[in-house]
C-alpha cells in the first residue's frame, strides 16, 4: 500500500529505538498489520495527538463550565 506522507527526519535515543523494536517483536497488533518501525511511530504519534486533543478539549469544556 502506498502511503502519501511527508518525509520528516526525527532522531531518537538508542533506548527509544530499542523499545520500539521490542514492541514490534512482541506485539500481535504490529505483526497482524505488518508494521515496520516507521508505521509504529506514525501510529503512536497519531494516537498521542488524538489523546492530547481530547484532553485539551475536555479541559477547555471544564474551564468554560467553571467560569459560569
N, C-alpha and C. Protein backbone atom coordinates (compact mmCIF):
# COMPACT_ATOMS: atom_id res chain seq x y z
N UNK A 1 0.84 -1.17 0.00
CA UNK A 1 0.00 0.00 0.00
C UNK A 1 0.90 1.24 0.00
N UNK A 2 0.64 2.14 -0.91
CA UNK A 2 1.42 3.37 -0.98
C UNK A 2 0.86 4.37 0.02
N UNK A 3 1.74 4.96 0.79
CA UNK A 3 1.33 5.97 1.76
C UNK A 3 1.73 7.33 1.21
N UNK A 4 0.84 8.27 1.36
CA UNK A 4 1.13 9.63 0.92
C UNK A 4 1.53 10.42 2.15
N UNK A 5 2.82 10.48 2.37
CA UNK A 5 3.33 11.12 3.58
C UNK A 5 4.38 12.15 3.22
N UNK A 6 4.61 13.03 4.18
CA UNK A 6 5.70 13.98 4.06
C UNK A 6 6.87 13.42 4.85
N UNK A 7 8.02 13.48 4.27
CA UNK A 7 9.20 12.94 4.94
C UNK A 7 9.63 13.88 6.06
N UNK A 8 9.79 13.29 7.26
CA UNK A 8 10.27 14.03 8.41
C UNK A 8 11.36 13.19 9.06
N UNK A 9 12.52 13.75 9.16
CA UNK A 9 13.64 13.03 9.78
C UNK A 9 13.67 13.37 11.27
N UNK A 10 13.48 12.36 12.08
CA UNK A 10 13.49 12.54 13.53
C UNK A 10 14.50 11.59 14.14
N UNK A 11 15.28 12.09 15.05
CA UNK A 11 16.29 11.25 15.70
C UNK A 11 15.77 10.85 17.07
N UNK A 12 15.99 9.58 17.43
CA UNK A 12 15.57 9.05 18.72
C UNK A 12 16.78 8.53 19.47
N UNK A 13 16.69 8.56 20.80
CA UNK A 13 17.73 7.96 21.62
C UNK A 13 17.74 6.46 21.35
N UNK A 14 18.90 5.85 21.53
CA UNK A 14 19.06 4.41 21.29
C UNK A 14 18.05 3.62 22.12
N UNK A 15 17.83 4.02 23.35
CA UNK A 15 16.89 3.29 24.22
C UNK A 15 15.46 3.33 23.67
N UNK A 16 15.07 4.43 23.05
CA UNK A 16 13.73 4.53 22.46
C UNK A 16 13.62 3.59 21.26
N UNK A 17 14.64 3.55 20.43
CA UNK A 17 14.64 2.65 19.27
C UNK A 17 14.57 1.20 19.74
N UNK A 18 15.28 0.88 20.80
CA UNK A 18 15.23 -0.48 21.34
C UNK A 18 13.83 -0.82 21.84
N UNK A 19 13.17 0.13 22.49
CA UNK A 19 11.80 -0.10 22.96
C UNK A 19 10.85 -0.30 21.78
N UNK A 20 11.01 0.50 20.74
CA UNK A 20 10.17 0.35 19.54
C UNK A 20 10.38 -1.03 18.92
N UNK A 21 11.62 -1.45 18.81
CA UNK A 21 11.91 -2.75 18.22
C UNK A 21 11.34 -3.89 19.07
N UNK A 22 11.37 -3.72 20.38
CA UNK A 22 10.80 -4.72 21.27
C UNK A 22 9.28 -4.81 21.08
N UNK A 23 8.65 -3.66 20.94
CA UNK A 23 7.20 -3.65 20.69
C UNK A 23 6.90 -4.36 19.37
N UNK A 24 7.68 -4.06 18.34
CA UNK A 24 7.46 -4.69 17.04
C UNK A 24 7.60 -6.20 17.11
N UNK A 25 8.55 -6.67 17.91
CA UNK A 25 8.78 -8.12 18.04
C UNK A 25 7.64 -8.82 18.76
N UNK A 26 7.10 -8.18 19.81
CA UNK A 26 6.17 -8.87 20.69
C UNK A 26 4.70 -8.51 20.49
N UNK A 27 4.41 -7.49 19.74
CA UNK A 27 3.04 -7.03 19.60
C UNK A 27 2.30 -7.78 18.49
N UNK A 28 1.22 -8.43 18.89
CA UNK A 28 0.37 -9.12 17.91
C UNK A 28 -0.24 -8.10 16.94
N UNK A 29 -0.62 -6.93 17.45
CA UNK A 29 -1.19 -5.87 16.62
C UNK A 29 -0.21 -5.47 15.51
N UNK A 30 1.07 -5.29 15.87
CA UNK A 30 2.08 -4.90 14.88
C UNK A 30 2.30 -6.01 13.85
N UNK A 31 2.34 -7.24 14.31
CA UNK A 31 2.53 -8.36 13.38
C UNK A 31 1.33 -8.50 12.44
N UNK A 32 0.15 -8.40 13.00
CA UNK A 32 -1.07 -8.55 12.20
C UNK A 32 -1.16 -7.48 11.11
N UNK A 33 -0.70 -6.27 11.44
CA UNK A 33 -0.77 -5.15 10.50
C UNK A 33 0.52 -4.95 9.70
N UNK A 34 1.47 -5.88 9.87
CA UNK A 34 2.75 -5.82 9.15
C UNK A 34 3.44 -4.48 9.34
N UNK A 35 3.47 -4.00 10.57
CA UNK A 35 4.09 -2.71 10.87
C UNK A 35 5.60 -2.82 10.83
N UNK A 36 6.23 -1.79 10.30
CA UNK A 36 7.67 -1.61 10.48
C UNK A 36 7.83 -0.47 11.50
N UNK A 37 9.04 -0.09 11.77
CA UNK A 37 9.29 0.93 12.78
C UNK A 37 8.59 2.26 12.44
N UNK A 38 8.65 2.66 11.19
CA UNK A 38 8.01 3.91 10.78
C UNK A 38 6.49 3.85 10.95
N UNK A 39 5.89 2.71 10.60
CA UNK A 39 4.45 2.54 10.78
C UNK A 39 4.07 2.68 12.25
N UNK A 40 4.86 2.04 13.11
CA UNK A 40 4.59 2.08 14.55
C UNK A 40 4.69 3.51 15.08
N UNK A 41 5.71 4.24 14.66
CA UNK A 41 5.88 5.63 15.10
C UNK A 41 4.71 6.48 14.62
N UNK A 42 4.31 6.33 13.35
CA UNK A 42 3.15 7.08 12.84
C UNK A 42 1.90 6.78 13.65
N UNK A 43 1.68 5.49 13.94
CA UNK A 43 0.51 5.07 14.71
C UNK A 43 0.53 5.70 16.11
N UNK A 44 1.69 5.65 16.77
CA UNK A 44 1.80 6.19 18.12
C UNK A 44 1.63 7.71 18.13
N UNK A 45 2.18 8.38 17.15
CA UNK A 45 2.04 9.84 17.08
C UNK A 45 0.59 10.22 16.84
N UNK A 46 -0.08 9.53 15.90
CA UNK A 46 -1.49 9.82 15.64
C UNK A 46 -2.34 9.64 16.89
N UNK A 47 -2.14 8.51 17.58
CA UNK A 47 -2.91 8.26 18.80
C UNK A 47 -2.57 9.25 19.90
N UNK A 48 -1.31 9.60 20.01
CA UNK A 48 -0.90 10.58 21.01
C UNK A 48 -1.52 11.95 20.75
N UNK A 49 -1.58 12.34 19.50
CA UNK A 49 -2.18 13.64 19.15
C UNK A 49 -3.68 13.61 19.44
N UNK A 50 -4.35 12.51 19.09
CA UNK A 50 -5.79 12.39 19.39
C UNK A 50 -6.04 12.48 20.89
N UNK A 51 -5.21 11.78 21.68
CA UNK A 51 -5.36 11.82 23.13
C UNK A 51 -5.12 13.23 23.65
N UNK A 52 -4.11 13.87 23.14
CA UNK A 52 -3.81 15.25 23.55
C UNK A 52 -4.99 16.17 23.22
N UNK A 53 -5.52 16.04 21.99
CA UNK A 53 -6.62 16.91 21.58
C UNK A 53 -7.87 16.66 22.41
N UNK A 54 -8.18 15.42 22.71
CA UNK A 54 -9.38 15.15 23.51
C UNK A 54 -9.17 15.63 24.94
N UNK A 55 -7.96 15.51 25.47
CA UNK A 55 -7.67 16.03 26.81
C UNK A 55 -7.75 17.54 26.85
N UNK A 56 -7.25 18.19 25.83
CA UNK A 56 -7.31 19.65 25.75
C UNK A 56 -8.75 20.11 25.62
N UNK A 57 -9.53 19.39 24.80
CA UNK A 57 -10.94 19.73 24.62
C UNK A 57 -11.69 19.58 25.94
N UNK A 58 -11.42 18.50 26.68
CA UNK A 58 -12.08 18.29 27.97
C UNK A 58 -11.70 19.39 28.96
N UNK A 59 -10.44 19.81 28.94
CA UNK A 59 -10.02 20.89 29.84
C UNK A 59 -10.70 22.19 29.47
N UNK A 60 -10.83 22.46 28.16
CA UNK A 60 -11.50 23.68 27.71
C UNK A 60 -12.95 23.68 28.16
N UNK A 61 -13.63 22.53 28.04
CA UNK A 61 -15.03 22.45 28.42
C UNK A 61 -15.20 22.61 29.93
N UNK A 62 -14.34 21.98 30.72
CA UNK A 62 -14.46 22.10 32.17
C UNK A 62 -14.11 23.50 32.63
N UNK A 63 -13.19 24.15 31.95
CA UNK A 63 -12.85 25.53 32.27
C UNK A 63 -14.00 26.47 31.95
N UNK A 64 -14.70 26.19 30.86
CA UNK A 64 -15.84 27.02 30.48
C UNK A 64 -16.97 26.86 31.50
N UNK A 65 -17.16 25.64 31.98
CA UNK A 65 -18.21 25.39 32.98
C UNK A 65 -17.87 26.08 34.30
N UNK A 66 -16.59 26.08 34.64
CA UNK A 66 -16.16 26.67 35.90
C UNK A 66 -16.34 28.18 35.94
N UNK A 67 -16.37 28.82 34.80
CA UNK A 67 -16.48 30.28 34.76
C UNK A 67 -17.93 30.75 34.71
N UNK A 68 -18.88 29.81 34.67
CA UNK A 68 -20.30 30.20 34.60
C UNK A 68 -20.82 30.62 35.94
